[in-house]
Amino acid sequence: MGDKGLLVERYEQFLSAYLSGRTEQALYKAQQFSRKMIEQNISPEEVINIHYTVLESLNGDIPEQVKDSFDFLIEVMMGYGMAYREHQILRDKQLALESEIEVAASMQQTLLQGDVPKVDGLDIGVISKAAKKMSGDYYHFVQNSPESISVAVADVIGKGVPAALCMSMIKYAMDSLPEQQNHPSIVLENLNRVVEQNVDPTMFITMFYGHYNTDLHRFFYAGAGHEPGFYYNALTDDFEEFTAKGLVLGISRNTKYKQYEKKIEAGDMIIMLSDGVTECRTSSGFISRDEVVSLIRSHMHLSPQEIVDNVYAELEQLQEFELRDDFTLIILKRTV
């Protein structure tokens, strides 16, 4: 007896047992048997055909209308079976893709993750969260010398794996310019040429780049189309926007960037961010930049790290714990 003949025989045994007693044990055996049929790639329409064959064997002649209904059911299940198999194939491919993305996301974190430097007279707070598995935001610290530190915040106009790969390239491009890290305008001009030559024309990068000199307590900075940050003046207790206009990276090879500077006094704060902070979208619409400032102000009695953590927690709650965009917030505070 072939495999199919054996299946029909066993199916007849299970169906007979159920019809004679209608017990839970018989149903359980049927469930176990269904797994065997799946293992042998028996399609749904074949199962119906087996059921019909066994039912006819057990009961003799089957009314014509019932026979016709089985023919109809088989046709339905043929379409269902094909659609189900296609669904399973797509599901398997999706699971494989998700697994690959998990690996890529882990690699991105390893490649881009950097330590926050410790600088005398400067307290630093950083938080960066991806809206999806992979982030299009990027921040980068370079401690050029004991008396200076450089910091960048960037955002790829684009998401997913391409954006993450683009950020990895930017990271290594920045690492290759150590002697120029204390000249923000030159750094942006060099990075702009890298992006223009190596990145797809449909993908652009915004960046705010700053250099803090702890001897002079001056902050030198330049921007490439990035979301303006804030400067907090402790003496006047006022927030103001950093003005750092410049074309996004990657549009024109010969773009020049203007460099600005700001004197930083004790208690002053430099606030750098991505548009995921200022364009936080809630059920009632986007929050304003003034609301972001109010959130920062409400936590200013805390350390910079506690400030950024609390601002993120409150904005995350406003978005019902589902980020719509990558979120990066950095605060540098002069302590002495």
C-alpha atoms as a PDB file:
ATOM      1  CA  MET A   1       0.000   0.000   0.000  1.00  0.00           C
ATOM      2  CA  GLY A   2       1.364   3.388  -0.979  1.00  0.00           C
ATOM      3  CA  ASP A   3       1.752   6.385   1.339  1.00  0.00           C
ATOM      4  CA  LYS A   4      -1.560   7.885   0.206  1.00  0.00           C
ATOM      5  CA  GLY A   5      -3.374   4.567   0.693  1.00  0.00           C
ATOM      6  CA  LEU A   6      -1.991   4.384   4.212  1.00  0.00           C
ATOM      7  CA  LEU A   7      -3.135   7.944   4.896  1.00  0.00           C
ATOM      8  CA  VAL A   8      -6.662   7.133   3.706  1.00  0.00           C
ATOM      9  CA  GLU A   9      -6.745   4.011   5.895  1.00  0.00           C
ATOM     10  CA  ARG A  10      -5.610   5.849   9.006  1.00  0.00           C
ATOM     11  CA  TYR A  11      -7.958   8.754   8.299  1.00  0.00           C
ATOM     12  CA  GLU A  12     -10.825   6.270   8.069  1.00  0.00           C
ATOM     13  CA  GLN A  13      -9.863   4.833  11.450  1.00  0.00           C
ATOM     14  CA  PHE A  14      -9.806   8.258  13.125  1.00  0.00           C
ATOM     15  CA  LEU A  15     -13.054   9.411  11.498  1.00  0.00           C
ATOM     16  CA  SER A  16     -14.837   6.174  12.415  1.00  0.00           C
ATOM     17  CA  ALA A  17     -13.645   6.509  16.021  1.00  0.00           C
ATOM     18  CA  TYR A  18     -14.947  10.050  16.204  1.00  0.00           C
ATOM     19  CA  LEU A  19     -18.329   9.332  14.596  1.00  0.00           C
ATOM     20  CA  SER A  20     -18.922   6.414  16.935  1.00  0.00           C
ATOM     21  CA  GLY A  21     -18.165   8.266  20.136  1.00  0.00           C
ATOM     22  CA  ARG A  22     -17.518  11.949  19.371  1.00  0.00           C
ATOM     23  CA  THR A  23     -14.868  12.043  22.122  1.00  0.00           C
ATOM     24  CA  GLU A  24     -12.222  14.652  22.831  1.00  0.00           C
ATOM     25  CA  GLN A  25      -9.570  11.949  22.533  1.00  0.00           C
ATOM     26  CA  ALA A  26     -10.650  11.231  18.938  1.00  0.00           C
ATOM     27  CA  LEU A  27     -10.432  14.942  18.105  1.00  0.00           C
ATOM     28  CA  TYR A  28      -6.977  15.112  19.644  1.00  0.00           C
ATOM     29  CA  LYS A  29      -5.814  12.183  17.493  1.00  0.00           C
ATOM     30  CA  ALA A  30      -7.191  13.979  14.433  1.00  0.00           C
ATOM     31  CA  GLN A  31      -5.157  17.058  15.333  1.00  0.00           C
ATOM     32  CA  GLN A  32      -2.013  14.972  15.689  1.00  0.00           C
ATOM     33  CA  PHE A  33      -2.734  13.277  12.358  1.00  0.00           C
ATOM     34  CA  SER A  34      -3.108  16.665  10.659  1.00  0.00           C
ATOM     35  CA  ARG A  35       0.514  17.424  11.526  1.00  0.00           C
ATOM     36  CA  LYS A  36       1.576  14.243   9.790  1.00  0.00           C
ATOM     37  CA  MET A  37      -0.286  15.315   6.653  1.00  0.00           C
ATOM     38  CA  ILE A  38       1.437  18.717   6.751  1.00  0.00           C
ATOM     39  CA  GLU A  39       4.819  16.995   7.033  1.00  0.00           C
ATOM     40  CA  GLN A  40       3.970  15.003   3.891  1.00  0.00           C
ATOM     41  CA  ASN A  41       2.873  18.155   2.032  1.00  0.00           C
ATOM     42  CA  ILE A  42      -0.756  17.064   1.725  1.00  0.00           C
ATOM     43  CA  SER A  43      -2.679  20.078   0.398  1.00  0.00           C
ATOM     44  CA  PRO A  44      -6.016  21.272   1.875  1.00  0.00           C
ATOM     45  CA  GLU A  45      -7.926  20.124  -1.235  1.00  0.00           C
ATOM     46  CA  GLU A  46      -6.342  16.658  -0.955  1.00  0.00           C
ATOM     47  CA  VAL A  47      -7.502  16.449   2.665  1.00  0.00           C
ATOM     48  CA  ILE A  48     -11.076  17.199   1.554  1.00  0.00           C
ATOM     49  CA  ASN A  49     -10.839  14.565  -1.168  1.00  0.00           C
ATOM     50  CA  ILE A  50      -9.605  12.000   1.391  1.00  0.00           C
ATOM     51  CA  HIS A  51     -12.463  12.957   3.712  1.00  0.00           C
ATOM     52  CA  TYR A  52     -14.989  12.501   0.898  1.00  0.00           C
ATOM     53  CA  THR A  53     -13.525   9.107  -0.086  1.00  0.00           C
ATOM     54  CA  VAL A  54     -13.626   7.859   3.505  1.00  0.00           C
ATOM     55  CA  LEU A  55     -17.126   9.223   4.125  1.00  0.00           C
ATOM     56  CA  GLU A  56     -18.418   7.454   1.010  1.00  0.00           C
ATOM     57  CA  SER A  57     -16.727   4.241   2.132  1.00  0.00           C
ATOM     58  CA  LEU A  58     -18.358   4.457   5.574  1.00  0.00           C
ATOM     59  CA  ASN A  59     -21.869   5.495   4.512  1.00  0.00           C
ATOM     60  CA  GLY A  60     -22.307   4.138   0.996  1.00  0.00           C
ATOM     61  CA  ASP A  61     -24.058   6.430  -1.457  1.00  0.00           C
ATOM     62  CA  ILE A  62     -23.875  10.131  -0.665  1.00  0.00           C
ATOM     63  CA  PRO A  63     -26.722  12.411  -1.812  1.00  0.00           C
ATOM     64  CA  GLU A  64     -25.977  14.147  -5.105  1.00  0.00           C
ATOM     65  CA  GLN A  65     -26.256  17.621  -3.599  1.00  0.00           C
ATOM     66  CA  VAL A  66     -23.716  16.743  -0.910  1.00  0.00           C
ATOM     67  CA  LYS A  67     -21.359  15.389  -3.588  1.00  0.00           C
ATOM     68  CA  ASP A  68     -21.681  18.651  -5.514  1.00  0.00           C
ATOM     69  CA  SER A  69     -20.992  20.623  -2.338  1.00  0.00           C
ATOM     70  CA  PHE A  70     -17.719  18.702  -1.907  1.00  0.00           C
ATOM     71  CA  ASP A  71     -16.722  19.544  -5.483  1.00  0.00           C
ATOM     72  CA  PHE A  72     -17.418  23.179  -4.678  1.00  0.00           C
ATOM     73  CA  LEU A  73     -15.440  22.995  -1.424  1.00  0.00           C
ATOM     74  CA  ILE A  74     -12.451  21.425  -3.182  1.00  0.00           C
ATOM     75  CA  GLU A  75     -12.347  24.288  -5.689  1.00  0.00           C
ATOM     76  CA  VAL A  76     -12.508  26.797  -2.851  1.00  0.00           C
ATOM     77  CA  MET A  77      -9.717  25.085  -0.972  1.00  0.00           C
ATOM     78  CA  MET A  78      -7.501  24.859  -4.056  1.00  0.00           C
ATOM     79  CA  GLY A  79      -7.517  28.661  -4.246  1.00  0.00           C
ATOM     80  CA  TYR A  80      -7.149  28.909  -0.490  1.00  0.00           C
ATOM     81  CA  GLY A  81      -4.262  26.443  -0.466  1.00  0.00           C
ATOM     82  CA  MET A  82      -2.324  28.306  -3.154  1.00  0.00           C
ATOM     83  CA  ALA A  83      -2.864  31.627  -1.385  1.00  0.00           C
ATOM     84  CA  TYR A  84      -1.860  30.083   1.943  1.00  0.00           C
ATOM     85  CA  ARG A  85       1.346  28.615   0.505  1.00  0.00           C
ATOM     86  CA  GLU A  86       2.232  31.978  -1.052  1.00  0.00           C
ATOM     87  CA  HIS A  87       1.559  33.611   2.320  1.00  0.00           C
ATOM     88  CA  GLN A  88       3.854  31.129   4.057  1.00  0.00           C
ATOM     89  CA  ILE A  89       6.633  31.744   1.508  1.00  0.00           C
ATOM     90  CA  LEU A  90       6.325  35.521   1.987  1.00  0.00           C
ATOM     91  CA  ARG A  91       6.229  35.084   5.757  1.00  0.00           C
ATOM     92  CA  ASP A  92       9.407  32.987   5.693  1.00  0.00           C
ATOM     93  CA  LYS A  93      11.117  35.608   3.525  1.00  0.00           C
ATOM     94  CA  GLN A  94       9.962  38.365   5.890  1.00  0.00           C
ATOM     95  CA  LEU A  95      11.291  36.495   8.919  1.00  0.00           C
ATOM     96  CA  ALA A  96      14.630  36.010   7.164  1.00  0.00           C
ATOM     97  CA  LEU A  97      14.749  39.704   6.244  1.00  0.00           C
ATOM     98  CA  GLU A  98      13.900  40.752   9.796  1.00  0.00           C
ATOM     99  CA  SER A  99      16.686  38.537  11.077  1.00  0.00           C
ATOM    100  CA  GLU A 100      19.137  40.174   8.664  1.00  0.00           C
ATOM    101  CA  ILE A 101      17.940  43.637   9.722  1.00  0.00           C
ATOM    102  CA  GLU A 102      18.465  42.698  13.378  1.00  0.00           C
ATOM    103  CA  VAL A 103      22.053  41.757  12.565  1.00  0.00           C
ATOM    104  CA  ALA A 104      22.536  44.972  10.576  1.00  0.00           C
ATOM    105  CA  ALA A 105      21.040  47.062  13.402  1.00  0.00           C
ATOM    106  CA  SER A 106      23.394  45.420  15.896  1.00  0.00           C
ATOM    107  CA  MET A 107      26.336  46.095  13.587  1.00  0.00           C
ATOM    108  CA  GLN A 108      25.231  49.723  13.203  1.00  0.00           C
ATOM    109  CA  GLN A 109      25.160  50.207  16.960  1.00  0.00           C
ATOM    110  CA  THR A 110      28.624  48.674  17.238  1.00  0.00           C
ATOM    111  CA  LEU A 111      30.035  50.785  14.391  1.00  0.00           C
ATOM    112  CA  LEU A 112      28.501  54.099  15.397  1.00  0.00           C
ATOM    113  CA  GLN A 113      28.466  53.839  19.153  1.00  0.00           C
ATOM    114  CA  GLY A 114      30.947  56.170  20.767  1.00  0.00           C
ATOM    115  CA  ASP A 115      31.794  57.042  24.340  1.00  0.00           C
ATOM    116  CA  VAL A 116      30.788  60.419  25.695  1.00  0.00           C
ATOM    117  CA  PRO A 117      34.055  62.107  26.669  1.00  0.00           C
ATOM    118  CA  LYS A 118      34.702  63.515  30.126  1.00  0.00           C
ATOM    119  CA  VAL A 119      35.859  67.120  29.976  1.00  0.00           C
ATOM    120  CA  ASP A 120      36.798  69.285  32.952  1.00  0.00           C
ATOM    121  CA  GLY A 121      34.308  72.099  33.430  1.00  0.00           C
ATOM    122  CA  LEU A 122      31.768  70.592  31.040  1.00  0.00           C
ATOM    123  CA  ASP A 123      28.822  68.325  31.872  1.00  0.00           C
ATOM    124  CA  ILE A 124      27.358  66.371  28.949  1.00  0.00           C
ATOM    125  CA  GLY A 125      24.033  64.592  28.504  1.00  0.00           C
ATOM    126  CA  VAL A 126      23.176  62.443  25.475  1.00  0.00           C
ATOM    127  CA  ILE A 127      20.197  60.390  24.359  1.00  0.00           C
ATOM    128  CA  SER A 128      19.642  58.919  20.892  1.00  0.00           C
ATOM    129  CA  LYS A 129      16.749  56.579  20.082  1.00  0.00           C
ATOM    130  CA  ALA A 130      15.803  54.980  16.765  1.00  0.00           C
ATOM    131  CA  ALA A 131      12.158  55.073  15.673  1.00  0.00           C
ATOM    132  CA  LYS A 132      12.658  51.761  13.853  1.00  0.00           C
ATOM    133  CA  LYS A 133      15.290  49.056  14.136  1.00  0.00           C
ATOM    134  CA  MET A 134      17.869  51.181  12.348  1.00  0.00           C
ATOM    135  CA  SER A 135      18.477  54.869  12.926  1.00  0.00           C
ATOM    136  CA  GLY A 136      18.981  57.696  10.452  1.00  0.00           C
ATOM    137  CA  ASP A 137      20.289  59.914  13.266  1.00  0.00           C
ATOM    138  CA  TYR A 138      23.926  60.028  14.249  1.00  0.00           C
ATOM    139  CA  TYR A 139      25.995  61.843  16.846  1.00  0.00           C
ATOM    140  CA  HIS A 140      29.757  61.866  17.136  1.00  0.00           C
ATOM    141  CA  PHE A 141      32.190  63.132  19.786  1.00  0.00           C
ATOM    142  CA  VAL A 142      35.889  63.721  19.254  1.00  0.00           C
ATOM    143  CA  GLN A 143      38.158  64.754  22.112  1.00  0.00           C
ATOM    144  CA  ASN A 144      40.860  66.520  20.130  1.00  0.00           C
ATOM    145  CA  SER A 145      42.939  67.390  23.215  1.00  0.00           C
ATOM    146  CA  PRO A 146      42.424  67.857  26.957  1.00  0.00           C
ATOM    147  CA  GLU A 147      41.231  71.424  26.299  1.00  0.00           C
ATOM    148  CA  SER A 148      38.923  70.840  23.345  1.00  0.00           C
ATOM    149  CA  ILE A 149      36.043  68.676  22.210  1.00  0.00           C
ATOM    150  CA  SER A 150      34.157  68.407  18.927  1.00  0.00           C
ATOM    151  CA  VAL A 151      30.596  67.148  18.547  1.00  0.00           C
ATOM    152  CA  ALA A 152      28.327  66.538  15.579  1.00  0.00           C
ATOM    153  CA  VAL A 153      24.639  65.697  15.173  1.00  0.00           C
ATOM    154  CA  ALA A 154      23.498  64.455  11.772  1.00  0.00           C
ATOM    155  CA  ASP A 155      20.320  63.201  10.159  1.00  0.00           C
ATOM    156  CA  VAL A 156      19.983  61.321   6.876  1.00  0.00           C
ATOM    157  CA  ILE A 157      17.037  62.428   4.729  1.00  0.00           C
ATOM    158  CA  GLY A 158      15.922  58.841   4.254  1.00  0.00           C
ATOM    159  CA  LYS A 159      15.375  55.871   6.546  1.00  0.00           C
ATOM    160  CA  GLY A 160      16.155  52.215   6.965  1.00  0.00           C
ATOM    161  CA  VAL A 161      19.200  50.274   5.856  1.00  0.00           C
ATOM    162  CA  PRO A 162      20.421  52.795   3.206  1.00  0.00           C
ATOM    163  CA  ALA A 163      20.372  55.592   5.787  1.00  0.00           C
ATOM    164  CA  ALA A 164      22.238  53.454   8.305  1.00  0.00           C
ATOM    165  CA  LEU A 165      24.906  52.529   5.747  1.00  0.00           C
ATOM    166  CA  CYS A 166      25.234  56.190   4.816  1.00  0.00           C
ATOM    167  CA  MET A 167      25.792  57.102   8.457  1.00  0.00           C
ATOM    168  CA  SER A 168      28.520  54.484   8.767  1.00  0.00           C
ATOM    169  CA  MET A 169      30.317  56.083   5.821  1.00  0.00           C
ATOM    170  CA  ILE A 170      29.997  59.546   7.406  1.00  0.00           C
ATOM    171  CA  LYS A 171      31.407  58.222  10.674  1.00  0.00           C
ATOM    172  CA  TYR A 172      34.558  56.922   9.017  1.00  0.00           C
ATOM    173  CA  ALA A 173      34.885  60.052   6.902  1.00  0.00           C
ATOM    174  CA  MET A 174      34.844  62.126  10.109  1.00  0.00           C
ATOM    175  CA  ASP A 175      37.419  59.877  11.735  1.00  0.00           C
ATOM    176  CA  SER A 176      39.740  60.502   8.789  1.00  0.00           C
ATOM    177  CA  LEU A 177      39.844  64.273   9.447  1.00  0.00           C
ATOM    178  CA  PRO A 178      41.443  64.451  12.920  1.00  0.00           C
ATOM    179  CA  GLU A 179      43.589  67.480  12.197  1.00  0.00           C
ATOM    180  CA  GLN A 180      40.575  69.526  11.065  1.00  0.00           C
ATOM    181  CA  GLN A 181      38.106  68.642  13.830  1.00  0.00           C
ATOM    182  CA  ASN A 182      38.475  72.054  15.488  1.00  0.00           C
ATOM    183  CA  HIS A 183      37.380  73.881  12.310  1.00  0.00           C
ATOM    184  CA  PRO A 184      33.643  73.135  11.876  1.00  0.00           C
ATOM    185  CA  SER A 185      33.313  74.896   8.525  1.00  0.00           C
ATOM    186  CA  ILE A 186      36.234  72.926   7.029  1.00  0.00           C
ATOM    187  CA  VAL A 187      34.877  69.642   8.405  1.00  0.00           C
ATOM    188  CA  LEU A 188      31.500  70.260   6.733  1.00  0.00           C
ATOM    189  CA  GLU A 189      33.133  71.202   3.427  1.00  0.00           C
ATOM    190  CA  ASN A 190      35.189  67.994   3.409  1.00  0.00           C
ATOM    191  CA  LEU A 191      32.214  65.839   4.384  1.00  0.00           C
ATOM    192  CA  ASN A 192      30.105  67.537   1.730  1.00  0.00           C
ATOM    193  CA  ARG A 193      32.557  66.411  -0.965  1.00  0.00           C
ATOM    194  CA  VAL A 194      32.505  62.850   0.411  1.00  0.00           C
ATOM    195  CA  VAL A 195      28.704  62.734   0.356  1.00  0.00           C
ATOM    196  CA  GLU A 196      28.435  64.328  -3.087  1.00  0.00           C
ATOM    197  CA  GLN A 197      30.820  61.746  -4.556  1.00  0.00           C
ATOM    198  CA  ASN A 198      29.651  58.601  -2.748  1.00  0.00           C
ATOM    199  CA  VAL A 199      25.970  58.905  -1.839  1.00  0.00           C
ATOM    200  CA  ASP A 200      22.957  58.432  -4.089  1.00  0.00           C
ATOM    201  CA  PRO A 201      21.748  61.822  -5.438  1.00  0.00           C
ATOM    202  CA  THR A 202      18.321  61.262  -3.836  1.00  0.00           C
ATOM    203  CA  MET A 203      19.826  61.014  -0.350  1.00  0.00           C
ATOM    204  CA  PHE A 204      21.047  64.029   1.606  1.00  0.00           C
ATOM    205  CA  ILE A 205      22.489  64.566   5.053  1.00  0.00           C
ATOM    206  CA  THR A 206      21.945  67.430   7.455  1.00  0.00           C
ATOM    207  CA  MET A 207      24.530  68.147  10.146  1.00  0.00           C
ATOM    208  CA  PHE A 208      25.309  70.552  12.966  1.00  0.00           C
ATOM    209  CA  TYR A 209      28.974  70.485  13.902  1.00  0.00           C
ATOM    210  CA  GLY A 210      30.527  72.255  16.868  1.00  0.00           C
ATOM    211  CA  HIS A 211      33.918  72.616  18.511  1.00  0.00           C
ATOM    212  CA  TYR A 212      34.194  73.601  22.183  1.00  0.00           C
ATOM    213  CA  ASN A 213      37.455  75.100  23.471  1.00  0.00           C
ATOM    214  CA  THR A 214      37.534  74.670  27.245  1.00  0.00           C
ATOM    215  CA  ASP A 215      40.462  77.084  27.698  1.00  0.00           C
ATOM    216  CA  LEU A 216      38.715  79.953  25.938  1.00  0.00           C
ATOM    217  CA  HIS A 217      35.203  78.690  26.718  1.00  0.00           C
ATOM    218  CA  ARG A 218      34.172  79.442  23.171  1.00  0.00           C
ATOM    219  CA  PHE A 219      31.940  77.304  21.014  1.00  0.00           C
ATOM    220  CA  PHE A 220      32.674  77.352  17.278  1.00  0.00           C
ATOM    221  CA  TYR A 221      30.007  75.853  15.061  1.00  0.00           C
ATOM    222  CA  ALA A 222      28.605  75.490  11.534  1.00  0.00           C
ATOM    223  CA  GLY A 223      25.465  73.963  10.078  1.00  0.00           C
ATOM    224  CA  ALA A 224      24.470  72.082   6.936  1.00  0.00           C
ATOM    225  CA  GLY A 225      20.695  72.416   6.745  1.00  0.00           C
ATOM    226  CA  HIS A 226      20.255  70.869  10.188  1.00  0.00           C
ATOM    227  CA  GLU A 227      17.561  71.576  12.764  1.00  0.00           C
ATOM    228  CA  PRO A 228      18.705  74.632  14.785  1.00  0.00           C
ATOM    229  CA  GLY A 229      19.654  73.894  18.357  1.00  0.00           C
ATOM    230  CA  PHE A 230      19.364  76.214  21.346  1.00  0.00           C
ATOM    231  CA  TYR A 231      21.717  78.233  23.514  1.00  0.00           C
ATOM    232  CA  TYR A 232      20.755  78.871  27.127  1.00  0.00           C
ATOM    233  CA  ASN A 233      22.149  82.065  28.674  1.00  0.00           C
ATOM    234  CA  ALA A 234      22.310  81.537  32.445  1.00  0.00           C
ATOM    235  CA  LEU A 235      22.811  85.265  33.177  1.00  0.00           C
ATOM    236  CA  THR A 236      19.612  86.352  31.396  1.00  0.00           C
ATOM    237  CA  ASP A 237      17.781  83.021  31.875  1.00  0.00           C
ATOM    238  CA  ASP A 238      16.882  83.048  28.173  1.00  0.00           C
ATOM    239  CA  PHE A 239      16.927  80.482  25.375  1.00  0.00           C
ATOM    240  CA  GLU A 240      17.864  81.480  21.847  1.00  0.00           C
ATOM    241  CA  GLU A 241      18.278  79.539  18.617  1.00  0.00           C
ATOM    242  CA  PHE A 242      21.667  78.794  17.149  1.00  0.00           C
ATOM    243  CA  THR A 243      21.893  80.476  13.761  1.00  0.00           C
ATOM    244  CA  ALA A 244      23.962  78.231  11.513  1.00  0.00           C
ATOM    245  CA  LYS A 245      22.620  78.339   7.983  1.00  0.00           C
ATOM    246  CA  GLY A 246      24.133  76.169   5.278  1.00  0.00           C
ATOM    247  CA  LEU A 247      23.200  73.846   2.422  1.00  0.00           C
ATOM    248  CA  VAL A 248      22.583  70.173   3.272  1.00  0.00           C
ATOM    249  CA  LEU A 249      25.509  67.853   2.536  1.00  0.00           C
ATOM    250  CA  GLY A 250      25.654  66.259  -0.885  1.00  0.00           C
ATOM    251  CA  ILE A 251      23.900  68.798  -3.130  1.00  0.00           C
ATOM    252  CA  SER A 252      26.803  70.794  -4.528  1.00  0.00           C
ATOM    253  CA  ARG A 253      30.453  69.753  -4.461  1.00  0.00           C
ATOM    254  CA  ASN A 254      31.801  73.296  -3.981  1.00  0.00           C
ATOM    255  CA  THR A 255      29.513  74.443  -1.184  1.00  0.00           C
ATOM    256  CA  LYS A 256      31.116  76.670   1.468  1.00  0.00           C
ATOM    257  CA  TYR A 257      29.972  76.815   5.084  1.00  0.00           C
ATOM    258  CA  LYS A 258      30.048  79.795   7.383  1.00  0.00           C
ATOM    259  CA  GLN A 259      31.529  79.360  10.840  1.00  0.00           C
ATOM    260  CA  TYR A 260      30.053  81.032  13.915  1.00  0.00           C
ATOM    261  CA  GLU A 261      31.202  81.313  17.507  1.00  0.00           C
ATOM    262  CA  LYS A 262      29.647  81.884  20.908  1.00  0.00           C
ATOM    263  CA  LYS A 263      31.196  82.782  24.264  1.00  0.00           C
ATOM    264  CA  ILE A 264      30.041  80.312  26.916  1.00  0.00           C
ATOM    265  CA  GLU A 265      29.770  81.405  30.555  1.00  0.00           C
ATOM    266  CA  ALA A 266      29.322  79.309  33.696  1.00  0.00           C
ATOM    267  CA  GLY A 267      25.825  77.777  33.776  1.00  0.00           C
ATOM    268  CA  ASP A 268      25.255  78.259  30.031  1.00  0.00           C
ATOM    269  CA  MET A 269      24.040  75.292  27.975  1.00  0.00           C
ATOM    270  CA  ILE A 270      24.490  74.229  24.366  1.00  0.00           C
ATOM    271  CA  ILE A 271      21.547  72.151  23.126  1.00  0.00           C
ATOM    272  CA  MET A 272      21.894  70.094  19.946  1.00  0.00           C
ATOM    273  CA  LEU A 273      19.138  67.925  18.534  1.00  0.00           C
ATOM    274  CA  SER A 274      17.543  66.225  15.548  1.00  0.00           C
ATOM    275  CA  ASP A 275      14.151  67.059  14.053  1.00  0.00           C
ATOM    276  CA  GLY A 276      12.702  64.019  15.819  1.00  0.00           C
ATOM    277  CA  VAL A 277      12.711  66.218  18.940  1.00  0.00           C
ATOM    278  CA  THR A 278      11.192  69.402  17.543  1.00  0.00           C
ATOM    279  CA  GLU A 279       8.816  67.627  15.167  1.00  0.00           C
ATOM    280  CA  CYS A 280       7.371  65.272  17.740  1.00  0.00           C
ATOM    281  CA  ARG A 281       3.892  64.379  16.442  1.00  0.00           C
ATOM    282  CA  THR A 282       1.069  63.712  18.880  1.00  0.00           C
ATOM    283  CA  SER A 283      -2.617  62.942  18.364  1.00  0.00           C
ATOM    284  CA  SER A 284      -3.321  66.680  18.374  1.00  0.00           C
ATOM    285  CA  GLY A 285      -0.521  67.600  15.927  1.00  0.00           C
ATOM    286  CA  PHE A 286       3.129  68.630  16.094  1.00  0.00           C
ATOM    287  CA  ILE A 287       4.519  70.178  19.259  1.00  0.00           C
ATOM    288  CA  SER A 288       6.238  73.545  18.929  1.00  0.00           C
ATOM    289  CA  ARG A 289       9.878  74.421  19.555  1.00  0.00           C
ATOM    290  CA  ASP A 290       8.680  76.567  22.458  1.00  0.00           C
ATOM    291  CA  GLU A 291       7.172  73.459  24.046  1.00  0.00           C
ATOM    292  CA  VAL A 292      10.519  71.670  23.742  1.00  0.00           C
ATOM    293  CA  VAL A 293      12.203  74.623  25.453  1.00  0.00           C
ATOM    294  CA  SER A 294       9.573  74.514  28.201  1.00  0.00           C
ATOM    295  CA  LEU A 295      10.267  70.823  28.779  1.00  0.00           C
ATOM    296  CA  ILE A 296      14.014  71.454  29.047  1.00  0.00           C
ATOM    297  CA  ARG A 297      13.408  74.403  31.394  1.00  0.00           C
ATOM    298  CA  SER A 298      11.196  72.284  33.665  1.00  0.00           C
ATOM    299  CA  HIS A 299      14.117  69.910  34.306  1.00  0.00           C
ATOM    300  CA  MET A 300      16.991  72.397  34.462  1.00  0.00           C
ATOM    301  CA  HIS A 301      17.567  71.734  38.167  1.00  0.00           C
ATOM    302  CA  LEU A 302      18.865  68.300  37.092  1.00  0.00           C
ATOM    303  CA  SER A 303      22.100  67.222  35.406  1.00  0.00           C
ATOM    304  CA  PRO A 304      22.265  67.354  31.574  1.00  0.00           C
ATOM    305  CA  GLN A 305      21.912  63.560  31.338  1.00  0.00           C
ATOM    306  CA  GLU A 306      18.850  63.630  33.576  1.00  0.00           C
ATOM    307  CA  ILE A 307      17.415  66.502  31.519  1.00  0.00           C
ATOM    308  CA  VAL A 308      17.677  64.654  28.194  1.00  0.00           C
ATOM    309  CA  ASP A 309      16.341  61.438  29.738  1.00  0.00           C
ATOM    310  CA  ASN A 310      13.309  63.222  31.193  1.00  0.00           C
ATOM    311  CA  VAL A 311      12.581  65.194  28.017  1.00  0.00           C
ATOM    312  CA  TYR A 312      12.676  61.976  26.002  1.00  0.00           C
ATOM    313  CA  ALA A 313      10.404  60.177  28.479  1.00  0.00           C
ATOM    314  CA  GLU A 314       7.797  62.962  28.351  1.00  0.00           C
ATOM    315  CA  LEU A 315       7.849  63.265  24.556  1.00  0.00           C
ATOM    316  CA  GLU A 316       7.670  59.495  24.203  1.00  0.00           C
ATOM    317  CA  GLN A 317       4.603  59.463  26.422  1.00  0.00           C
ATOM    318  CA  LEU A 318       2.992  62.238  24.353  1.00  0.00           C
ATOM    319  CA  GLN A 319       3.476  60.002  21.283  1.00  0.00           C
ATOM    320  CA  GLU A 320       1.857  57.063  23.090  1.00  0.00           C
ATOM    321  CA  PHE A 321       5.257  55.348  23.348  1.00  0.00           C
ATOM    322  CA  GLU A 322       5.655  55.031  19.566  1.00  0.00           C
ATOM    323  CA  LEU A 323       8.369  57.245  18.070  1.00  0.00           C
ATOM    324  CA  ARG A 324       7.498  58.627  14.634  1.00  0.00           C
ATOM    325  CA  ASP A 325      11.062  59.733  13.943  1.00  0.00           C
ATOM    326  CA  ASP A 326      14.578  59.117  15.229  1.00  0.00           C
ATOM    327  CA  PHE A 327      15.284  61.124  18.375  1.00  0.00           C
ATOM    328  CA  THR A 328      18.628  62.656  19.372  1.00  0.00           C
ATOM    329  CA  LEU A 329      19.180  65.260  22.074  1.00  0.00           C
ATOM    330  CA  ILE A 330      22.550  66.457  23.410  1.00  0.00           C
ATOM    331  CA  ILE A 331      23.212  69.046  26.121  1.00  0.00           C
ATOM    332  CA  LEU A 332      26.621  70.516  26.982  1.00  0.00           C
ATOM    333  CA  LYS A 333      26.668  72.614  30.163  1.00  0.00           C
ATOM    334  CA  ARG A 334      29.576  74.710  31.416  1.00  0.00           C
ATOM    335  CA  THR A 335      29.876  74.017  35.125  1.00  0.00           C
ATOM    336  CA  VAL A 336      32.728  76.371  36.143  1.00  0.00           C
END
